């Protein structure tokens, strides 16, 4: 289980770095005033932020998800693995249940982090200098209820979302031992599908969490938020920012799942084969030094041939995902 936690940490960090600019666009589109919109669409929002705030504008609020993503993804992948083993079934329903359980437990960490991230992304008066400052000031003024603003909708989003997330990944990839290209495709597709399923819930959550940041509070409940938004904007408000979300979801989750699987393979190897691998590596290096070769290309061919046919070293090479034939399989 410790390995699942480690892989989740590394994969989560990689995913946040890739996807945060698109998340900034999504939040700005979801929360802007419908009557006086600043952005016309995803591309206009992207270019406007880039022109106004440079690249740093797209990474506003990244300290909050990046600081907590290690813990959040450790909970997600660790819980999924633990529940999957407890269920003891390889059916898609078991992956949905395990994913839903992971979504529920990580909501306790995710909700406060997303609150701070959202506030930092949309604030205009610069009241909060960073994630820690935002967290401290909200807690001092409002206590735990303020920190957990939007918690209920976070659970309503995360439980079905992560259930679908892991179920579709398993369906599309066929398992964690899939080739790299298939892992990336399955991860990106699963992430996109899971977001589409719960996107209306995310819109309501974001609007409630950002309410009152730059002006007086507009909504007094989720129902009021839904009714008021529906009255002024129509049902289309439930899809506001969905394009940037899908654009973000695919590469983010493709990278996350790929890095997670690579980390698990690498860690698993060093845990189980480190001693023997070191010995065989030394033997191989000495053999390589004594080899007469006049061309780097021939060196590579020789290296690949030895690695693919020398027992544990071959396992090491393949598990690292460095064998070109496996990467392109």
Foldseek 3Di string as FASTA:
>chain_A
DVLQLQLQLVLQLQLLVQQQLLVLLLLLQLAADPVDGPAPASVRSSVVQCVPPNPVLSCFLSCLCNVCRSVLRSLQRVQLVVQLVVVVDPDLQSSLQSQLVSLQVSLVRVQLSVLLSSLRSPADPPPAPHSVSVQVVQCVVPNPCSSNFLSVLSNVLRNNLRSQLRSQLCVQQVDLPRFLVSLLQSQLVSQLVSCVVSQLSVSLSSNRSNACSHHHGDDDDSVRVVVVCCVVPNPCSSCGSSVSVSVSSRNSRSSSSSSSSLSSLQVVCCVPPVVVLVVVVVVVVVVLVPDDDDDVVVSVVVVLVCCCPPPSSVSNCVSNVPNPVRNVD
